[in-house]
Every structure is written in C-alpha cells, then in structure tokens.
Amino acid sequence: MDEREKLRKFRELDDAFAQALRELEKPNSRLNIPTGPPVRSLAEREAEEQQQREQAFRQRLESLMKEYAQPTESVAHLLRTMRSLGHIA
C-alpha cells in the first residue's frame, strides 16, 4: 500500500471518528453502541472461584471416603481434630 492510500484511509477513519464524537455530543442522541457482555466484578469472580474450589474439595473428599470406606462422622472428627491442632484453617 503506498503512502497516498495510507493517508486516504487515515483521513476516512479520522472523519468517521469525528462524526461519531459529534453524534455523542448531541443532546438526546440515540446511538446504538454495542457494550459487549456484562462485566463481572472481581469480588464476584473470586466468590465463584472459591465456590468451585469448595465443590471440588467436597467431591474429592467424598470420593476418598468411598474409596477407604470411611463414614461421615469419622471424617468429620478427623477434620475437627486437624483444625484444633492448627493443621487446617
């Protein structure tokens, strides 16, 4: 692409941008501006990730309980003991 063609395309883009700005400045402007998907807050994403980690932990724990034939009460007692000793938060 030669320099003239580049300059022409730049001017077209500049004109289109200037026109869009003028439209935005008009009172009662009804431009249909695409906004994309809604933006989730960081806190929402972190909460969702935490929930997924907890679900994965529960599934893994249940799987291990079945594999080693351990009842819920026994595992609950083990977890309480570990927590009291400071091994888990």
Protein backbone atom coordinates (compact mmCIF):
# COMPACT_ATOMS: atom_id res chain seq x y z
CA MET A 1 0.00 0.00 0.00
CA ASP A 2 1.50 3.31 -0.97
CA GLU A 3 1.65 6.41 1.21
CA ARG A 4 -1.28 8.13 -0.52
CA GLU A 5 -3.52 5.15 0.10
CA LYS A 6 -2.50 5.05 3.76
CA LEU A 7 -3.18 8.76 4.11
CA ARG A 8 -6.60 8.41 2.44
CA LYS A 9 -7.59 5.56 4.77
CA PHE A 10 -6.38 7.53 7.78
CA ARG A 11 -8.48 10.54 6.74
CA GLU A 12 -11.55 8.33 6.30
CA LEU A 13 -11.04 6.86 9.74
CA ASP A 14 -10.44 10.30 11.24
CA ASP A 15 -13.63 11.63 9.61
CA ALA A 16 -15.67 8.70 10.88
CA PHE A 17 -14.29 9.15 14.38
CA ALA A 18 -15.04 12.88 14.33
CA GLN A 19 -18.60 12.20 13.15
CA ALA A 20 -19.12 9.67 15.96
CA LEU A 21 -17.90 12.20 18.52
CA ARG A 22 -20.28 14.83 17.15
CA GLU A 23 -23.16 12.36 17.43
CA LEU A 24 -22.27 11.57 21.03
CA GLU A 25 -22.24 15.26 21.94
CA LYS A 26 -25.77 15.83 20.59
CA PRO A 27 -28.42 16.02 23.31
CA ASN A 28 -30.91 13.14 23.18
CA SER A 29 -28.53 11.16 21.00
CA ARG A 30 -29.82 7.62 20.49
CA LEU A 31 -26.80 5.80 19.20
CA ASN A 32 -26.84 2.05 19.39
CA ILE A 33 -23.43 1.49 20.92
CA PRO A 34 -22.57 -2.17 21.47
CA THR A 35 -21.49 -2.78 25.02
CA GLY A 36 -20.47 -6.42 24.96
CA PRO A 37 -21.08 -8.88 27.75
CA PRO A 38 -21.66 -7.55 31.26
CA VAL A 39 -18.52 -7.06 33.28
CA ARG A 40 -18.40 -9.07 36.48
CA SER A 41 -16.77 -7.56 39.50
CA LEU A 42 -13.56 -9.01 40.86
CA ALA A 43 -15.37 -9.96 44.07
CA GLU A 44 -17.99 -11.92 42.12
CA ARG A 45 -15.31 -13.80 40.20
CA GLU A 46 -13.37 -14.57 43.38
CA ALA A 47 -16.54 -15.80 45.10
CA GLU A 48 -17.34 -18.01 42.12
CA GLU A 49 -13.80 -19.42 42.07
CA GLN A 50 -13.95 -20.07 45.82
CA GLN A 51 -17.25 -21.89 45.37
CA GLN A 52 -15.73 -24.02 42.60
CA ARG A 53 -12.73 -24.90 44.82
CA GLU A 54 -15.05 -25.86 47.66
CA GLN A 55 -17.16 -28.02 45.35
CA ALA A 56 -14.04 -29.74 44.00
CA PHE A 57 -12.82 -30.35 47.57
CA ARG A 58 -16.17 -31.85 48.57
CA GLN A 59 -16.18 -34.13 45.55
CA ARG A 60 -12.62 -35.29 46.20
CA LEU A 61 -13.35 -35.83 49.90
CA GLU A 62 -16.48 -37.87 49.11
CA SER A 63 -14.51 -39.92 46.62
CA LEU A 64 -11.81 -40.67 49.18
CA MET A 65 -14.42 -41.51 51.81
CA LYS A 66 -15.97 -44.06 49.46
CA GLU A 67 -12.59 -45.45 48.40
CA TYR A 68 -11.48 -46.01 52.00
CA ALA A 69 -14.97 -46.82 53.34
CA GLN A 70 -14.91 -44.04 55.91
CA PRO A 71 -18.18 -42.80 57.41
CA THR A 72 -19.02 -39.11 57.53
CA GLU A 73 -18.75 -38.98 61.33
CA SER A 74 -15.22 -40.38 61.29
CA VAL A 75 -14.05 -37.89 58.67
CA ALA A 76 -15.76 -35.00 60.49
CA HIS A 77 -13.97 -36.00 63.71
CA LEU A 78 -10.64 -36.15 61.85
CA LEU A 79 -11.19 -32.68 60.34
CA ARG A 80 -12.14 -31.19 63.75
CA THR A 81 -9.01 -32.71 65.28
CA MET A 82 -6.79 -31.37 62.49
CA ARG A 83 -8.35 -27.92 62.84
CA SER A 84 -7.86 -27.89 66.61
CA LEU A 85 -4.19 -28.79 66.11
CA GLY A 86 -3.79 -25.92 63.62
CA HIS A 87 -3.16 -28.13 60.59
CA ILE A 88 -6.05 -26.60 58.65
CA ALA A 89 -7.67 -23.19 58.82
